[in-house]
Amino acid sequence: MSAAPSLPTVAAIEAQLRADLQPTELQIIDESAAHAGHMGANAEGYGTHFRVRIASGLFAGKNRVSRHRLVYDSLQNFIDQGLHALAIEIIDKP
């Protein structure tokens, strides 16, 4: 019998996004505590609701949906572990 997967952390999400998307700017905020009592929240108050602010050269020439898809694809393992909500803010760099 295997142990239950651990909840995502800011550090783990940051490491994954840095490896996959080579961001030039990156900020991850765990907003889970603000969602206590909401669907997908847990008693621990972390690991379920995150906000990602990101800029990456890999976004160049891609539309909003394609940029978001890159972020979701990078974080799919965390979604499988219990990440319930992900707010993505793409930072456009000149």
C-alpha atoms as a PDB file:
ATOM      1  CA  MET A   1       0.000   0.000   0.000  1.00  0.00           C
ATOM      2  CA  SER A   2       1.487   3.337  -1.027  1.00  0.00           C
ATOM      3  CA  ALA A   3       1.313   6.542   0.974  1.00  0.00           C
ATOM      4  CA  ALA A   4      -1.050   9.292  -0.105  1.00  0.00           C
ATOM      5  CA  PRO A   5       0.631  11.912  -2.274  1.00  0.00           C
ATOM      6  CA  SER A   6       1.770  15.020  -0.453  1.00  0.00           C
ATOM      7  CA  LEU A   7       0.120  18.342  -1.168  1.00  0.00           C
ATOM      8  CA  PRO A   8       1.842  20.714  -3.584  1.00  0.00           C
ATOM      9  CA  THR A   9       4.083  23.412  -2.114  1.00  0.00           C
ATOM     10  CA  VAL A  10       5.197  26.776  -3.436  1.00  0.00           C
ATOM     11  CA  ALA A  11       8.789  25.484  -3.647  1.00  0.00           C
ATOM     12  CA  ALA A  12       7.832  22.370  -5.609  1.00  0.00           C
ATOM     13  CA  ILE A  13       5.650  24.330  -8.046  1.00  0.00           C
ATOM     14  CA  GLU A  14       8.396  26.903  -8.504  1.00  0.00           C
ATOM     15  CA  ALA A  15      10.996  24.218  -9.223  1.00  0.00           C
ATOM     16  CA  GLN A  16       8.738  22.542 -11.795  1.00  0.00           C
ATOM     17  CA  LEU A  17       7.899  25.768 -13.614  1.00  0.00           C
ATOM     18  CA  ARG A  18      11.551  26.865 -13.642  1.00  0.00           C
ATOM     19  CA  ALA A  19      12.598  23.517 -15.117  1.00  0.00           C
ATOM     20  CA  ASP A  20       9.871  23.401 -17.766  1.00  0.00           C
ATOM     21  CA  LEU A  21       9.299  27.022 -18.764  1.00  0.00           C
ATOM     22  CA  GLN A  22      12.551  28.863 -17.892  1.00  0.00           C
ATOM     23  CA  PRO A  23      10.655  31.911 -16.618  1.00  0.00           C
ATOM     24  CA  THR A  24      12.237  35.344 -16.627  1.00  0.00           C
ATOM     25  CA  GLU A  25       9.835  36.335 -13.848  1.00  0.00           C
ATOM     26  CA  LEU A  26       7.990  34.036 -11.476  1.00  0.00           C
ATOM     27  CA  GLN A  27       5.899  34.438  -8.359  1.00  0.00           C
ATOM     28  CA  ILE A  28       3.819  31.687  -6.760  1.00  0.00           C
ATOM     29  CA  ILE A  29       1.348  32.464  -3.990  1.00  0.00           C
ATOM     30  CA  ASP A  30      -0.439  29.802  -1.953  1.00  0.00           C
ATOM     31  CA  GLU A  31      -3.918  31.282  -1.468  1.00  0.00           C
ATOM     32  CA  SER A  32      -5.372  28.123   0.100  1.00  0.00           C
ATOM     33  CA  ALA A  33      -6.017  29.628   3.532  1.00  0.00           C
ATOM     34  CA  ALA A  34      -8.250  32.290   1.954  1.00  0.00           C
ATOM     35  CA  HIS A  35     -10.460  29.522   0.535  1.00  0.00           C
ATOM     36  CA  ALA A  36     -11.217  27.686   3.774  1.00  0.00           C
ATOM     37  CA  GLY A  37     -14.662  26.186   3.585  1.00  0.00           C
ATOM     38  CA  HIS A  38     -14.781  26.393  -0.207  1.00  0.00           C
ATOM     39  CA  MET A  39     -14.903  23.427  -2.541  1.00  0.00           C
ATOM     40  CA  GLY A  40     -11.485  21.840  -2.937  1.00  0.00           C
ATOM     41  CA  ALA A  41     -10.051  23.390   0.236  1.00  0.00           C
ATOM     42  CA  ASN A  42      -8.647  21.199   2.961  1.00  0.00           C
ATOM     43  CA  ALA A  43      -8.289  21.382   6.729  1.00  0.00           C
ATOM     44  CA  GLU A  44      -4.544  22.053   6.452  1.00  0.00           C
ATOM     45  CA  GLY A  45      -5.058  25.470   4.822  1.00  0.00           C
ATOM     46  CA  TYR A  46      -2.377  24.991   2.160  1.00  0.00           C
ATOM     47  CA  GLY A  47      -1.638  23.152  -1.054  1.00  0.00           C
ATOM     48  CA  THR A  48      -4.960  23.487  -2.886  1.00  0.00           C
ATOM     49  CA  HIS A  49      -5.288  27.034  -4.307  1.00  0.00           C
ATOM     50  CA  PHE A  50      -2.374  28.823  -5.976  1.00  0.00           C
ATOM     51  CA  ARG A  51      -1.747  31.967  -7.995  1.00  0.00           C
ATOM     52  CA  VAL A  52       1.105  31.930 -10.517  1.00  0.00           C
ATOM     53  CA  ARG A  53       2.494  35.122 -12.039  1.00  0.00           C
ATOM     54  CA  ILE A  54       4.908  34.214 -14.810  1.00  0.00           C
ATOM     55  CA  ALA A  55       6.838  35.576 -17.791  1.00  0.00           C
ATOM     56  CA  SER A  56       8.700  33.281 -20.167  1.00  0.00           C
ATOM     57  CA  GLY A  57      10.286  33.510 -23.568  1.00  0.00           C
ATOM     58  CA  LEU A  58       8.442  30.286 -24.374  1.00  0.00           C
ATOM     59  CA  PHE A  59       5.210  32.309 -24.443  1.00  0.00           C
ATOM     60  CA  ALA A  60       6.372  34.437 -27.395  1.00  0.00           C
ATOM     61  CA  GLY A  61       3.959  34.266 -30.309  1.00  0.00           C
ATOM     62  CA  LYS A  62       1.434  32.165 -28.389  1.00  0.00           C
ATOM     63  CA  ASN A  63      -2.098  33.220 -27.557  1.00  0.00           C
ATOM     64  CA  ARG A  64      -3.471  33.348 -24.010  1.00  0.00           C
ATOM     65  CA  VAL A  65      -4.950  29.845 -24.117  1.00  0.00           C
ATOM     66  CA  SER A  66      -1.684  28.323 -25.380  1.00  0.00           C
ATOM     67  CA  ARG A  67       0.318  30.114 -22.675  1.00  0.00           C
ATOM     68  CA  HIS A  68      -2.022  28.885 -19.960  1.00  0.00           C
ATOM     69  CA  ARG A  69      -1.900  25.367 -21.412  1.00  0.00           C
ATOM     70  CA  LEU A  70       1.908  25.371 -21.056  1.00  0.00           C
ATOM     71  CA  VAL A  71       1.541  26.223 -17.368  1.00  0.00           C
ATOM     72  CA  TYR A  72      -1.201  23.621 -16.789  1.00  0.00           C
ATOM     73  CA  ASP A  73       0.801  20.943 -18.613  1.00  0.00           C
ATOM     74  CA  SER A  74       3.854  21.719 -16.493  1.00  0.00           C
ATOM     75  CA  LEU A  75       1.829  21.408 -13.290  1.00  0.00           C
ATOM     76  CA  GLN A  76      -0.333  18.386 -14.199  1.00  0.00           C
ATOM     77  CA  ASN A  77       1.396  16.201 -11.597  1.00  0.00           C
ATOM     78  CA  PHE A  78       0.438  18.698  -8.888  1.00  0.00           C
ATOM     79  CA  ILE A  79      -3.143  18.838 -10.109  1.00  0.00           C
ATOM     80  CA  ASP A  80      -3.193  15.056  -9.742  1.00  0.00           C
ATOM     81  CA  GLN A  81      -1.890  15.500  -6.153  1.00  0.00           C
ATOM     82  CA  GLY A  82      -4.688  17.825  -5.057  1.00  0.00           C
ATOM     83  CA  LEU A  83      -4.014  21.257  -6.504  1.00  0.00           C
ATOM     84  CA  HIS A  84      -7.630  22.311  -6.904  1.00  0.00           C
ATOM     85  CA  ALA A  85      -7.457  25.867  -8.245  1.00  0.00           C
ATOM     86  CA  LEU A  86      -4.797  27.659 -10.236  1.00  0.00           C
ATOM     87  CA  ALA A  87      -4.970  31.345 -11.126  1.00  0.00           C
ATOM     88  CA  ILE A  88      -2.505  32.159 -13.890  1.00  0.00           C
ATOM     89  CA  GLU A  89      -1.324  35.693 -14.607  1.00  0.00           C
ATOM     90  CA  ILE A  90       0.901  35.956 -17.655  1.00  0.00           C
ATOM     91  CA  ILE A  91       3.332  38.871 -17.408  1.00  0.00           C
ATOM     92  CA  ASP A  92       3.978  40.291 -20.844  1.00  0.00           C
ATOM     93  CA  LYS A  93       7.502  41.567 -21.184  1.00  0.00           C
ATOM     94  CA  PRO A  94       8.422  44.039 -23.937  1.00  0.00           C
END
